[in-house]
C-alpha atoms as a PDB file:
ATOM      1  CA  GLY A   1     -11.953  11.667  -8.740  1.00  0.00           C
ATOM      2  CA  CYS A   2     -10.759  15.084  -7.667  1.00  0.00           C
ATOM      3  CA  ALA A   3     -11.291  16.073  -4.106  1.00  0.00           C
ATOM      4  CA  GLN A   4     -14.589  17.585  -3.063  1.00  0.00           C
ATOM      5  CA  LYS A   5     -14.645  21.377  -2.078  1.00  0.00           C
ATOM      6  CA  TYR A   6     -16.045  22.090   1.492  1.00  0.00           C
ATOM      7  CA  ILE A   7     -16.290  24.859   3.774  1.00  0.00           C
ATOM      8  CA  VAL A   8     -15.444  24.233   7.529  1.00  0.00           C
ATOM      9  CA  LYS A   9     -17.848  26.176   9.866  1.00  0.00           C
ATOM     10  CA  ASN A  10     -16.630  24.805  13.135  1.00  0.00           C
ATOM     11  CA  TYR A  11     -12.879  24.154  13.224  1.00  0.00           C
ATOM     12  CA  PHE A  12     -13.139  22.599  16.865  1.00  0.00           C
ATOM     13  CA  TYR A  13     -15.169  19.714  15.508  1.00  0.00           C
ATOM     14  CA  TYR A  14     -13.297  19.559  12.125  1.00  0.00           C
ATOM     15  CA  TYR A  15      -9.692  19.188  14.181  1.00  0.00           C
ATOM     16  CA  LEU A  16     -11.245  16.911  16.919  1.00  0.00           C
ATOM     17  CA  PHE A  17     -12.733  14.383  14.396  1.00  0.00           C
ATOM     18  CA  LYS A  18      -9.850  14.496  12.127  1.00  0.00           C
ATOM     19  CA  PHE A  19      -7.438  13.709  14.992  1.00  0.00           C
ATOM     20  CA  SER A  20      -9.982  11.165  16.306  1.00  0.00           C
ATOM     21  CA  ALA A  21     -10.033   9.348  12.958  1.00  0.00           C
ATOM     22  CA  ALA A  22      -6.227   9.371  12.761  1.00  0.00           C
ATOM     23  CA  LEU A  23      -6.402   6.984  15.831  1.00  0.00           C
ATOM     24  CA  GLY A  24      -7.772   4.130  13.883  1.00  0.00           C
ATOM     25  CA  GLU A  25      -4.984   4.550  11.333  1.00  0.00           C
ATOM     26  CA  GLU A  26      -1.455   2.705  10.754  1.00  0.00           C
ATOM     27  CA  ILE A  27       0.492   5.739  12.611  1.00  0.00           C
ATOM     28  CA  PHE A  28      -1.396   5.102  15.854  1.00  0.00           C
ATOM     29  CA  TYR A  29      -1.129   1.364  15.982  1.00  0.00           C
ATOM     30  CA  ILE A  30       2.631   1.526  15.165  1.00  0.00           C
ATOM     31  CA  THR A  31       3.268   3.862  18.129  1.00  0.00           C
ATOM     32  CA  PHE A  32       0.435   3.217  20.615  1.00  0.00           C
ATOM     33  CA  LEU A  33       0.618  -0.639  20.743  1.00  0.00           C
ATOM     34  CA  PRO A  34       4.662  -0.867  20.910  1.00  0.00           C
ATOM     35  CA  PHE A  35       4.517   2.135  23.505  1.00  0.00           C
ATOM     36  CA  ILE A  36       2.433  -0.162  26.075  1.00  0.00           C
ATOM     37  CA  TYR A  37       5.071  -2.973  25.646  1.00  0.00           C
ATOM     38  CA  TRP A  38       8.091  -0.617  26.102  1.00  0.00           C
ATOM     39  CA  ASN A  39       6.681   1.428  29.030  1.00  0.00           C
ATOM     40  CA  ILE A  40       3.802  -0.416  30.717  1.00  0.00           C
ATOM     41  CA  ASP A  41       3.209  -3.924  30.904  1.00  0.00           C
ATOM     42  CA  HIS A  42       4.258  -6.987  28.362  1.00  0.00           C
ATOM     43  CA  SER A  43       1.056  -9.230  29.212  1.00  0.00           C
ATOM     44  CA  VAL A  44      -1.179  -5.930  28.370  1.00  0.00           C
ATOM     45  CA  SER A  45       0.682  -5.587  25.268  1.00  0.00           C
ATOM     46  CA  ARG A  46       0.257  -9.062  24.217  1.00  0.00           C
ATOM     47  CA  ARG A  47      -3.613  -9.137  24.705  1.00  0.00           C
ATOM     48  CA  MET A  48      -4.038  -5.849  22.803  1.00  0.00           C
ATOM     49  CA  VAL A  49      -1.832  -7.139  19.828  1.00  0.00           C
ATOM     50  CA  ILE A  50      -3.505 -10.359  19.625  1.00  0.00           C
ATOM     51  CA  VAL A  51      -7.138  -9.100  20.091  1.00  0.00           C
ATOM     52  CA  TRP A  52      -6.251  -6.388  17.421  1.00  0.00           C
ATOM     53  CA  SER A  53      -5.201  -8.659  14.871  1.00  0.00           C
ATOM     54  CA  ILE A  54      -8.051 -11.236  15.155  1.00  0.00           C
ATOM     55  CA  VAL A  55     -10.752  -8.295  15.540  1.00  0.00           C
ATOM     56  CA  MET A  56      -9.469  -6.528  12.377  1.00  0.00           C
ATOM     57  CA  TYR A  57      -9.163  -9.688  10.325  1.00  0.00           C
ATOM     58  CA  ILE A  58     -12.409 -10.643  10.998  1.00  0.00           C
ATOM     59  CA  GLY A  59     -13.616  -6.923  10.491  1.00  0.00           C
ATOM     60  CA  GLN A  60     -11.767  -6.640   7.180  1.00  0.00           C
ATOM     61  CA  VAL A  61     -12.915  -9.949   5.612  1.00  0.00           C
ATOM     62  CA  SER A  62     -16.843  -9.211   6.680  1.00  0.00           C
ATOM     63  CA  LYS A  63     -16.340  -6.006   4.646  1.00  0.00           C
ATOM     64  CA  ASP A  64     -15.506  -8.043   1.425  1.00  0.00           C
ATOM     65  CA  ILE A  65     -18.031 -10.784   2.203  1.00  0.00           C
ATOM     66  CA  LEU A  66     -21.218  -8.296   2.947  1.00  0.00           C
ATOM     67  CA  LYS A  67     -20.048  -5.822   0.209  1.00  0.00           C
ATOM     68  CA  TRP A  68     -22.061  -3.041   1.681  1.00  0.00           C
ATOM     69  CA  PRO A  69     -21.198   0.149  -0.242  1.00  0.00           C
ATOM     70  CA  ARG A  70     -19.976   3.268   1.799  1.00  0.00           C
ATOM     71  CA  PRO A  71     -21.984   6.487   1.845  1.00  0.00           C
ATOM     72  CA  LEU A  72     -22.714   8.004  -1.451  1.00  0.00           C
ATOM     73  CA  SER A  73     -20.413  11.143  -2.589  1.00  0.00           C
ATOM     74  CA  PRO A  74     -22.255  13.564  -3.082  1.00  0.00           C
ATOM     75  CA  PRO A  75     -24.146  14.125  -1.036  1.00  0.00           C
ATOM     76  CA  VAL A  76     -21.765  13.263   1.655  1.00  0.00           C
ATOM     77  CA  VAL A  77     -18.364  15.083   1.737  1.00  0.00           C
ATOM     78  CA  LYS A  78     -15.493  12.584   2.439  1.00  0.00           C
ATOM     79  CA  LEU A  79     -12.682  14.314   4.112  1.00  0.00           C
ATOM     80  CA  GLU A  80     -10.309  11.368   4.062  1.00  0.00           C
ATOM     81  CA  ALA A  81      -6.864  11.926   2.484  1.00  0.00           C
ATOM     82  CA  ARG A  82      -7.245   8.770   0.379  1.00  0.00           C
ATOM     83  CA  THR A  83      -8.581   9.182  -3.315  1.00  0.00           C
ATOM     84  CA  ASN A  84     -12.133   8.617  -4.108  1.00  0.00           C
ATOM     85  CA  ALA A  85     -11.205   5.624  -6.223  1.00  0.00           C
ATOM     86  CA  GLU A  86      -9.530   4.061  -3.053  1.00  0.00           C
ATOM     87  CA  THR A  87     -12.359   4.764  -0.511  1.00  0.00           C
ATOM     88  CA  ASN A  88     -15.029   3.592  -3.030  1.00  0.00           C
ATOM     89  CA  ALA A  89     -13.166   0.398  -3.769  1.00  0.00           C
ATOM     90  CA  GLU A  90     -13.358  -0.459  -0.097  1.00  0.00           C
ATOM     91  CA  TYR A  91     -16.618  -1.466   1.296  1.00  0.00           C
ATOM     92  CA  GLY A  92     -18.287   0.136   4.422  1.00  0.00           C
ATOM     93  CA  MET A  93     -19.813  -2.492   6.660  1.00  0.00           C
ATOM     94  CA  PRO A  94     -18.650  -2.972   9.511  1.00  0.00           C
ATOM     95  CA  SER A  95     -16.579  -0.165  10.096  1.00  0.00           C
ATOM     96  CA  THR A  96     -12.860  -1.356  11.086  1.00  0.00           C
ATOM     97  CA  HIS A  97     -11.976   2.082  12.794  1.00  0.00           C
ATOM     98  CA  ALA A  98     -15.138   1.162  15.188  1.00  0.00           C
ATOM     99  CA  MET A  99     -14.225  -2.237  15.941  1.00  0.00           C
ATOM    100  CA  ALA A 100     -10.384  -1.408  16.400  1.00  0.00           C
ATOM    101  CA  ALA A 101     -11.186   1.588  18.765  1.00  0.00           C
ATOM    102  CA  THR A 102     -13.620  -0.769  20.745  1.00  0.00           C
ATOM    103  CA  ALA A 103     -11.104  -3.548  21.000  1.00  0.00           C
ATOM    104  CA  ILE A 104      -8.012  -1.502  21.896  1.00  0.00           C
ATOM    105  CA  SER A 105      -9.623   0.671  24.542  1.00  0.00           C
ATOM    106  CA  PHE A 106     -11.769  -2.308  25.940  1.00  0.00           C
ATOM    107  CA  SER A 107      -8.924  -4.979  26.049  1.00  0.00           C
ATOM    108  CA  LEU A 108      -6.605  -2.185  27.686  1.00  0.00           C
ATOM    109  CA  LEU A 109      -9.268  -1.801  30.463  1.00  0.00           C
ATOM    110  CA  THR A 110      -9.880  -5.375  31.077  1.00  0.00           C
ATOM    111  CA  ALA A 111      -6.257  -6.354  31.069  1.00  0.00           C
ATOM    112  CA  THR A 112      -5.133  -3.495  33.486  1.00  0.00           C
ATOM    113  CA  ALA A 113      -8.269  -3.572  35.764  1.00  0.00           C
ATOM    114  CA  ASN A 114      -6.937  -6.443  37.871  1.00  0.00           C
ATOM    115  CA  HIS A 115      -3.450  -5.548  37.818  1.00  0.00           C
ATOM    116  CA  TYR A 116      -3.132  -1.791  38.389  1.00  0.00           C
ATOM    117  CA  LYS A 117      -4.821   0.274  41.223  1.00  0.00           C
ATOM    118  CA  TYR A 118      -7.048   3.087  39.438  1.00  0.00           C
ATOM    119  CA  PRO A 119     -10.904   3.773  39.725  1.00  0.00           C
ATOM    120  CA  PHE A 120     -12.496   1.393  37.274  1.00  0.00           C
ATOM    121  CA  GLU A 121     -15.108   4.087  36.574  1.00  0.00           C
ATOM    122  CA  LEU A 122     -12.647   6.390  35.021  1.00  0.00           C
ATOM    123  CA  GLY A 123     -10.934   3.677  32.966  1.00  0.00           C
ATOM    124  CA  LEU A 124     -14.545   2.879  31.684  1.00  0.00           C
ATOM    125  CA  VAL A 125     -15.302   6.335  30.843  1.00  0.00           C
ATOM    126  CA  ALA A 126     -11.938   6.522  28.943  1.00  0.00           C
ATOM    127  CA  ALA A 127     -12.635   3.766  27.060  1.00  0.00           C
ATOM    128  CA  LEU A 128     -15.947   4.885  26.140  1.00  0.00           C
ATOM    129  CA  VAL A 129     -14.795   8.118  25.085  1.00  0.00           C
ATOM    130  CA  PHE A 130     -11.933   7.054  23.350  1.00  0.00           C
ATOM    131  CA  SER A 131     -14.363   4.591  21.381  1.00  0.00           C
ATOM    132  CA  ALA A 132     -17.005   7.105  20.770  1.00  0.00           C
ATOM    133  CA  LEU A 133     -14.589   9.807  19.399  1.00  0.00           C
ATOM    134  CA  VAL A 134     -13.323   7.395  16.601  1.00  0.00           C
ATOM    135  CA  CYS A 135     -16.872   6.136  15.947  1.00  0.00           C
ATOM    136  CA  LEU A 136     -18.222   9.759  15.653  1.00  0.00           C
ATOM    137  CA  SER A 137     -15.112  10.668  13.492  1.00  0.00           C
ATOM    138  CA  ARG A 138     -16.272   8.008  10.720  1.00  0.00           C
ATOM    139  CA  LEU A 139     -19.553   9.674  10.481  1.00  0.00           C
ATOM    140  CA  TYR A 140     -18.139  13.249  10.445  1.00  0.00           C
ATOM    141  CA  THR A 141     -15.614  12.279   7.958  1.00  0.00           C
ATOM    142  CA  GLY A 142     -18.318  10.748   5.746  1.00  0.00           C
ATOM    143  CA  MET A 143     -16.597   7.540   5.651  1.00  0.00           C
ATOM    144  CA  HIS A 144     -19.259   5.345   7.299  1.00  0.00           C
ATOM    145  CA  THR A 145     -23.078   5.067   8.053  1.00  0.00           C
ATOM    146  CA  VAL A 146     -24.350   4.804  11.337  1.00  0.00           C
ATOM    147  CA  LEU A 147     -25.378   1.230  10.724  1.00  0.00           C
ATOM    148  CA  ASP A 148     -21.543   0.492   9.842  1.00  0.00           C
ATOM    149  CA  VAL A 149     -20.104   2.298  13.047  1.00  0.00           C
ATOM    150  CA  ILE A 150     -22.776   0.291  15.537  1.00  0.00           C
ATOM    151  CA  GLY A 151     -22.205  -3.033  13.558  1.00  0.00           C
ATOM    152  CA  GLY A 152     -18.400  -2.684  13.943  1.00  0.00           C
ATOM    153  CA  ALA A 153     -18.632  -1.739  17.786  1.00  0.00           C
ATOM    154  CA  LEU A 154     -21.029  -4.645  18.364  1.00  0.00           C
ATOM    155  CA  ILE A 155     -19.097  -7.158  16.395  1.00  0.00           C
ATOM    156  CA  SER A 156     -15.905  -5.932  18.363  1.00  0.00           C
ATOM    157  CA  ALA A 157     -17.687  -6.366  21.769  1.00  0.00           C
ATOM    158  CA  VAL A 158     -18.887  -9.925  21.036  1.00  0.00           C
ATOM    159  CA  LEU A 159     -15.499 -10.838  20.140  1.00  0.00           C
ATOM    160  CA  LEU A 160     -14.056  -9.425  23.347  1.00  0.00           C
ATOM    161  CA  VAL A 161     -16.594 -11.154  25.409  1.00  0.00           C
ATOM    162  CA  LEU A 162     -15.859 -14.419  23.649  1.00  0.00           C
ATOM    163  CA  LEU A 163     -12.190 -14.018  23.741  1.00  0.00           C
ATOM    164  CA  TYR A 164     -11.987 -13.012  27.454  1.00  0.00           C
ATOM    165  CA  PRO A 165     -12.490 -16.460  29.322  1.00  0.00           C
ATOM    166  CA  ALA A 166      -9.853 -18.099  27.028  1.00  0.00           C
ATOM    167  CA  TRP A 167      -7.304 -15.325  27.238  1.00  0.00           C
ATOM    168  CA  ASP A 168      -5.222 -17.064  29.931  1.00  0.00           C
ATOM    169  CA  THR A 169      -4.943 -20.323  28.039  1.00  0.00           C
ATOM    170  CA  ILE A 170      -4.154 -18.456  24.628  1.00  0.00           C
ATOM    171  CA  ASP A 171      -1.290 -16.340  26.530  1.00  0.00           C
ATOM    172  CA  HIS A 172       0.233 -19.432  28.221  1.00  0.00           C
ATOM    173  CA  LEU A 173       0.158 -21.147  24.694  1.00  0.00           C
ATOM    174  CA  LEU A 174       1.627 -18.064  22.974  1.00  0.00           C
ATOM    175  CA  LEU A 175       4.740 -17.909  25.305  1.00  0.00           C
ATOM    176  CA  THR A 176       5.505 -21.665  26.086  1.00  0.00           C
ATOM    177  CA  SER A 177       4.396 -23.722  23.089  1.00  0.00           C
ATOM    178  CA  PRO A 178       6.994 -24.937  20.803  1.00  0.00           C
ATOM    179  CA  PHE A 179       4.723 -24.384  17.608  1.00  0.00           C
ATOM    180  CA  CYS A 180       4.062 -20.893  18.415  1.00  0.00           C
ATOM    181  CA  PRO A 181       6.353 -19.317  15.780  1.00  0.00           C
ATOM    182  CA  LEU A 182       5.449 -21.903  13.177  1.00  0.00           C
ATOM    183  CA  VAL A 183       1.836 -21.157  13.620  1.00  0.00           C
ATOM    184  CA  SER A 184       2.041 -17.456  14.072  1.00  0.00           C
ATOM    185  CA  ILE A 185       3.573 -17.212  10.717  1.00  0.00           C
ATOM    186  CA  VAL A 186       1.938 -20.062   8.693  1.00  0.00           C
ATOM    187  CA  VAL A 187      -1.463 -19.203   9.674  1.00  0.00           C
ATOM    188  CA  PRO A 188      -1.576 -15.698   9.012  1.00  0.00           C
ATOM    189  CA  LEU A 189       0.012 -16.253   5.630  1.00  0.00           C
ATOM    190  CA  ILE A 190      -2.739 -18.916   4.887  1.00  0.00           C
ATOM    191  CA  LEU A 191      -5.304 -16.479   5.576  1.00  0.00           C
ATOM    192  CA  CYS A 192      -3.905 -13.893   3.638  1.00  0.00           C
ATOM    193  CA  TYR A 193      -3.296 -15.960   0.610  1.00  0.00           C
ATOM    194  CA  ASN A 194      -7.005 -17.073   0.683  1.00  0.00           C
ATOM    195  CA  TYR A 195      -8.490 -13.536   1.261  1.00  0.00           C
ATOM    196  CA  PRO A 196     -11.831 -13.184  -0.282  1.00  0.00           C
ATOM    197  CA  LYS A 197     -11.520 -12.463  -3.934  1.00  0.00           C
ATOM    198  CA  LEU A 198     -13.178  -9.291  -5.433  1.00  0.00           C
ATOM    199  CA  ASP A 199     -14.162  -8.378  -8.997  1.00  0.00           C
ATOM    200  CA  TYR A 200     -11.837  -5.360  -8.673  1.00  0.00           C
ATOM    201  CA  TYR A 201      -8.825  -4.036  -6.413  1.00  0.00           C
ATOM    202  CA  SER A 202      -9.441  -3.012  -3.055  1.00  0.00           C
ATOM    203  CA  PRO A 203      -6.997  -2.208  -0.326  1.00  0.00           C
ATOM    204  CA  THR A 204      -8.608  -4.565   2.250  1.00  0.00           C
ATOM    205  CA  ARG A 205      -6.173  -7.348   1.381  1.00  0.00           C
ATOM    206  CA  ALA A 206      -3.238  -5.361   1.571  1.00  0.00           C
ATOM    207  CA  ASP A 207      -4.473  -3.644   4.844  1.00  0.00           C
ATOM    208  CA  THR A 208      -5.409  -7.186   6.383  1.00  0.00           C
ATOM    209  CA  THR A 209      -1.882  -8.366   5.241  1.00  0.00           C
ATOM    210  CA  THR A 210      -0.151  -5.607   7.052  1.00  0.00           C
ATOM    211  CA  ILE A 211      -2.048  -6.116  10.242  1.00  0.00           C
ATOM    212  CA  LEU A 212      -1.510  -9.951  10.421  1.00  0.00           C
ATOM    213  CA  GLY A 213       2.252  -9.468   9.497  1.00  0.00           C
ATOM    214  CA  ALA A 214       2.357  -7.026  12.431  1.00  0.00           C
ATOM    215  CA  GLY A 215       0.706  -9.232  14.702  1.00  0.00           C
ATOM    216  CA  ALA A 216       2.698 -12.599  13.531  1.00  0.00           C
ATOM    217  CA  GLY A 217       6.212 -10.641  13.896  1.00  0.00           C
ATOM    218  CA  ALA A 218       5.222  -9.516  17.608  1.00  0.00           C
ATOM    219  CA  THR A 219       4.013 -12.937  18.591  1.00  0.00           C
ATOM    220  CA  VAL A 220       7.358 -14.547  17.759  1.00  0.00           C
ATOM    221  CA  GLY A 221       9.107 -11.732  19.544  1.00  0.00           C
ATOM    222  CA  PHE A 222       6.944 -12.454  22.567  1.00  0.00           C
ATOM    223  CA  TRP A 223       7.579 -16.082  22.347  1.00  0.00           C
ATOM    224  CA  LEU A 224      11.346 -15.592  21.611  1.00  0.00           C
ATOM    225  CA  ASN A 225      11.675 -13.173  24.689  1.00  0.00           C
ATOM    226  CA  ASN A 226      10.047 -15.626  26.888  1.00  0.00           C
ATOM    227  CA  GLN A 227      12.379 -18.293  25.797  1.00  0.00           C
ATOM    228  CA  TYR A 228      15.540 -16.518  26.423  1.00  0.00           C
ATOM    229  CA  THR A 229      14.234 -14.434  29.360  1.00  0.00           C
ATOM    230  CA  ALA A 230      14.639 -10.881  27.680  1.00  0.00           C
ATOM    231  CA  PRO A 231      15.609  -8.013  30.289  1.00  0.00           C
ATOM    232  CA  ALA A 232      12.275  -6.997  31.893  1.00  0.00           C
ATOM    233  CA  TYR A 233      11.533  -3.195  32.081  1.00  0.00           C
ATOM    234  CA  THR A 234      11.862  -2.290  35.502  1.00  0.00           C
ATOM    235  CA  SER A 235      11.435   1.049  37.643  1.00  0.00           C
ATOM    236  CA  GLU A 236      13.110  -0.435  41.072  1.00  0.00           C
ATOM    237  CA  ASN A 237      16.340   1.836  40.585  1.00  0.00           C
ATOM    238  CA  PHE A 238      14.117   4.685  40.939  1.00  0.00           C
ATOM    239  CA  GLN A 239      14.866   4.848  44.846  1.00  0.00           C
ATOM    240  CA  LEU A 240      14.606   8.680  44.926  1.00  0.00           C
ATOM    241  CA  GLY A 241      12.190  11.254  46.205  1.00  0.00           C
ATOM    242  CA  LEU A 242       8.887  11.280  44.454  1.00  0.00           C
ATOM    243  CA  SER A 243       9.376  14.210  42.235  1.00  0.00           C
ATOM    244  CA  LEU A 244      12.808  12.963  41.199  1.00  0.00           C
ATOM    245  CA  VAL A 245      10.984   9.448  40.502  1.00  0.00           C
ATOM    246  CA  ILE A 246       8.351  10.951  38.349  1.00  0.00           C
ATOM    247  CA  SER A 247      10.819  13.147  36.458  1.00  0.00           C
ATOM    248  CA  LYS A 248      13.142  10.551  35.865  1.00  0.00           C
ATOM    249  CA  MET A 249      10.593   8.251  34.785  1.00  0.00           C
ATOM    250  CA  VAL A 250       9.130  10.700  32.168  1.00  0.00           C
ATOM    251  CA  VAL A 251      12.634  11.185  30.579  1.00  0.00           C
ATOM    252  CA  VAL A 252      13.145   7.492  30.489  1.00  0.00           C
ATOM    253  CA  VAL A 253       9.693   6.792  28.884  1.00  0.00           C
ATOM    254  CA  LEU A 254      10.410   9.485  26.375  1.00  0.00           C
ATOM    255  CA  ALA A 255      13.859   8.394  25.627  1.00  0.00           C
ATOM    256  CA  ARG A 256      12.401   4.613  25.267  1.00  0.00           C
ATOM    257  CA  SER A 257       9.646   5.893  22.997  1.00  0.00           C
ATOM    258  CA  PHE A 258      11.790   8.035  20.788  1.00  0.00           C
ATOM    259  CA  VAL A 259      14.439   5.245  20.214  1.00  0.00           C
ATOM    260  CA  GLY A 260      11.806   2.569  19.638  1.00  0.00           C
ATOM    261  CA  ILE A 261       9.749   4.563  17.402  1.00  0.00           C
ATOM    262  CA  LEU A 262      12.907   5.611  15.369  1.00  0.00           C
ATOM    263  CA  ALA A 263      13.874   1.860  15.272  1.00  0.00           C
ATOM    264  CA  VAL A 264      10.554   0.978  14.188  1.00  0.00           C
ATOM    265  CA  LEU A 265      10.154   3.384  11.222  1.00  0.00           C
ATOM    266  CA  LEU A 266      13.548   2.833   9.982  1.00  0.00           C
ATOM    267  CA  THR A 267      12.770  -1.025  10.003  1.00  0.00           C
ATOM    268  CA  ARG A 268       9.787  -0.370   8.018  1.00  0.00           C
ATOM    269  CA  GLN A 269      11.649   1.646   5.459  1.00  0.00           C
ATOM    270  CA  LEU A 270      14.572  -0.770   5.219  1.00  0.00           C
ATOM    271  CA  MET A 271      12.357  -3.844   4.567  1.00  0.00           C
ATOM    272  CA  LYS A 272       9.919  -1.869   2.266  1.00  0.00           C
ATOM    273  CA  SER A 273      12.820  -1.220   0.072  1.00  0.00           C
ATOM    274  CA  VAL A 274      14.590  -4.596   0.139  1.00  0.00           C
ATOM    275  CA  VAL A 275      11.411  -6.823  -0.001  1.00  0.00           C
ATOM    276  CA  LEU A 276      10.071  -4.778  -3.070  1.00  0.00           C
ATOM    277  CA  GLY A 277      13.410  -4.850  -4.649  1.00  0.00           C
ATOM    278  CA  VAL A 278      13.558  -8.397  -4.384  1.00  0.00           C
ATOM    279  CA  LEU A 279      10.188  -9.171  -5.653  1.00  0.00           C
ATOM    280  CA  GLY A 280      10.816  -6.917  -8.489  1.00  0.00           C
ATOM    281  CA  TYR A 281      13.600  -8.588  -9.501  1.00  0.00           C
ATOM    282  CA  ARG A 282      11.892 -12.183  -8.934  1.00  0.00           C
ATOM    283  CA  TYR A 283       8.765 -10.937 -10.959  1.00  0.00           C
ATOM    284  CA  LYS A 284      10.172  -8.652 -13.454  1.00  0.00           C
ATOM    285  CA  PHE A 285       8.555  -5.692 -12.815  1.00  0.00           C
ATOM    286  CA  PRO A 286       9.754  -1.888 -11.980  1.00  0.00           C
ATOM    287  CA  ILE A 287       9.751  -0.788  -8.575  1.00  0.00           C
ATOM    288  CA  GLY A 288       7.117   1.961  -9.612  1.00  0.00           C
ATOM    289  CA  ASP A 289       4.851  -0.272 -11.006  1.00  0.00           C
ATOM    290  CA  LEU A 290       1.386   0.016  -8.882  1.00  0.00           C
ATOM    291  CA  GLU A 291      -0.561  -2.505 -10.859  1.00  0.00           C
ATOM    292  CA  ALA A 292       2.233  -5.107 -10.387  1.00  0.00           C
ATOM    293  CA  ARG A 293       2.441  -4.488  -6.519  1.00  0.00           C
ATOM    294  CA  ARG A 294      -1.156  -5.170  -6.277  1.00  0.00           C
ATOM    295  CA  ARG A 295      -0.873  -8.735  -7.605  1.00  0.00           C
ATOM    296  CA  LEU A 296      -1.378 -11.279  -5.028  1.00  0.00           C
ATOM    297  CA  GLU A 297       2.048 -12.948  -5.577  1.00  0.00           C
ATOM    298  CA  VAL A 298       3.761  -9.584  -4.688  1.00  0.00           C
ATOM    299  CA  GLU A 299       1.267  -7.869  -2.513  1.00  0.00           C
ATOM    300  CA  VAL A 300       1.114 -10.520   0.327  1.00  0.00           C
ATOM    301  CA  PRO A 301       4.769 -11.462   0.761  1.00  0.00           C
ATOM    302  CA  TYR A 302       5.583  -7.376   0.302  1.00  0.00           C
ATOM    303  CA  LYS A 303       3.148  -6.480   3.165  1.00  0.00           C
ATOM    304  CA  PHE A 304       3.700  -9.643   5.297  1.00  0.00           C
ATOM    305  CA  ILE A 305       7.506  -9.723   5.237  1.00  0.00           C
ATOM    306  CA  THR A 306       7.758  -5.922   6.008  1.00  0.00           C
ATOM    307  CA  TYR A 307       5.146  -5.532   8.707  1.00  0.00           C
ATOM    308  CA  SER A 308       6.294  -8.896  10.458  1.00  0.00           C
ATOM    309  CA  SER A 309       9.603  -7.490  10.504  1.00  0.00           C
ATOM    310  CA  VAL A 310       8.330  -4.257  12.257  1.00  0.00           C
ATOM    311  CA  GLY A 311       6.446  -6.208  14.739  1.00  0.00           C
ATOM    312  CA  PHE A 312       9.616  -8.489  15.603  1.00  0.00           C
ATOM    313  CA  SER A 313      11.504  -5.194  15.732  1.00  0.00           C
ATOM    314  CA  ALA A 314       9.229  -3.498  18.233  1.00  0.00           C
ATOM    315  CA  THR A 315       9.351  -6.515  20.585  1.00  0.00           C
ATOM    316  CA  VAL A 316      12.856  -7.845  20.084  1.00  0.00           C
ATOM    317  CA  ILE A 317      15.277  -5.504  18.603  1.00  0.00           C
ATOM    318  CA  VAL A 318      13.958  -2.339  20.518  1.00  0.00           C
ATOM    319  CA  PRO A 319      14.206  -3.838  24.006  1.00  0.00           C
ATOM    320  CA  TRP A 320      17.724  -4.757  23.074  1.00  0.00           C
ATOM    321  CA  LEU A 321      18.590  -1.362  22.157  1.00  0.00           C
ATOM    322  CA  HIS A 322      16.918  -0.143  25.161  1.00  0.00           C
ATOM    323  CA  GLU A 323      19.226  -2.252  27.271  1.00  0.00           C
ATOM    324  CA  LEU A 324      22.249  -1.359  25.369  1.00  0.00           C
ATOM    325  CA  LEU A 325      21.582   2.311  25.859  1.00  0.00           C
ATOM    326  CA  GLY A 326      20.893   1.774  29.745  1.00  0.00           C
ATOM    327  CA  LEU A 327      16.962   2.589  29.484  1.00  0.00           C
ATOM    328  CA  MET A 328      15.752  -0.622  31.045  1.00  0.00           C
END
C-alpha cells in the first residue's frame, strides 16, 4: 500500500500529536527509562521497567487474542511511518501506547511521591497531561478508535492498582533472590516462544520480545548491581554555591545521558549484527531475507538477545563507564 495523501490544516496539532505519538515508541523507552536510572533514582527506575514490561506484555497478548481491527483507512487517514501492510496486520484493542503512557507516568508518580518533596497535585497533572497527549495522538494519527484508547488506559490503571501493594515484595525478591537472573531470563523466553499464533505475520510478537528482552536484561543488571554493590550515583560532592551546584549537575546529567545513550545504541547495533549473523549461519539464510527473519526460531532469539543486551548494558556497563569517566 502506498501512503495516503493528506493536507495539514493545523500544524500545531500535527506536530504536537506526532511528537506525542513518539512518546510511545522504542526511541523514547530506550532513552527515558535509562535516564531515570542514571540520573534520578534506581528504585524508581526498577519499578518503571518492571511495570512497563508486565503492562506491555498483557497489552500485546490481548490484541492478538481479541483480534479487534484498527480503524478502516479510508475513511481514516493513518499518519504513522509504518506501511499499511504492517499497521493493518496489527490489531487495535487495547492501545499499547495508551497502556504504556498510563503505566510509565503513574508508576513514576507513585514511586516518587513518598521519596521526593514536590506538590503531589503538580505530579498528578503532569501524569494526566502526558497520558492524555499520548492517548489523543493515537486518535489523531488514525491508529486507534476511542474504545481502544480508553480500554488501554483502564487496563493499565487496573494493573497498577493490583501491583502497587505487592511492589515492595517484588522489589526485594528482584534484588536479593538467587533465582532472580534465571527467572528473569527463562520466564520471558517461555512467554515469547508461546506467544499466541496468528493466521498471518504480525509485528506484535517481535515487539513483545523486544520489550521482555529489555526488561530481562535490565532485571539481571539490577540484581547484579545489588550483589556486587555497584557505585551509587551521588551529588554529595557538589558542596558549592546553589548556582554552581545547578550548573555542574546539569553538565553531569547531560554528560551521563550522552555517554549512556551512545553506549546503549552502540550495543544495540553491535548485537543486532552479531546475533543476526550467527542465526543466519545456523539456519542458512541471507541477512536480508525478511521472511526468514520472521520465523519463530529466528525472530525470538534475535530480538531477545539483542534487547536483553541493551537492558544489561544500560544498567551495568553504562554505570561502569560513568565511574571510569568520573561522572558518578
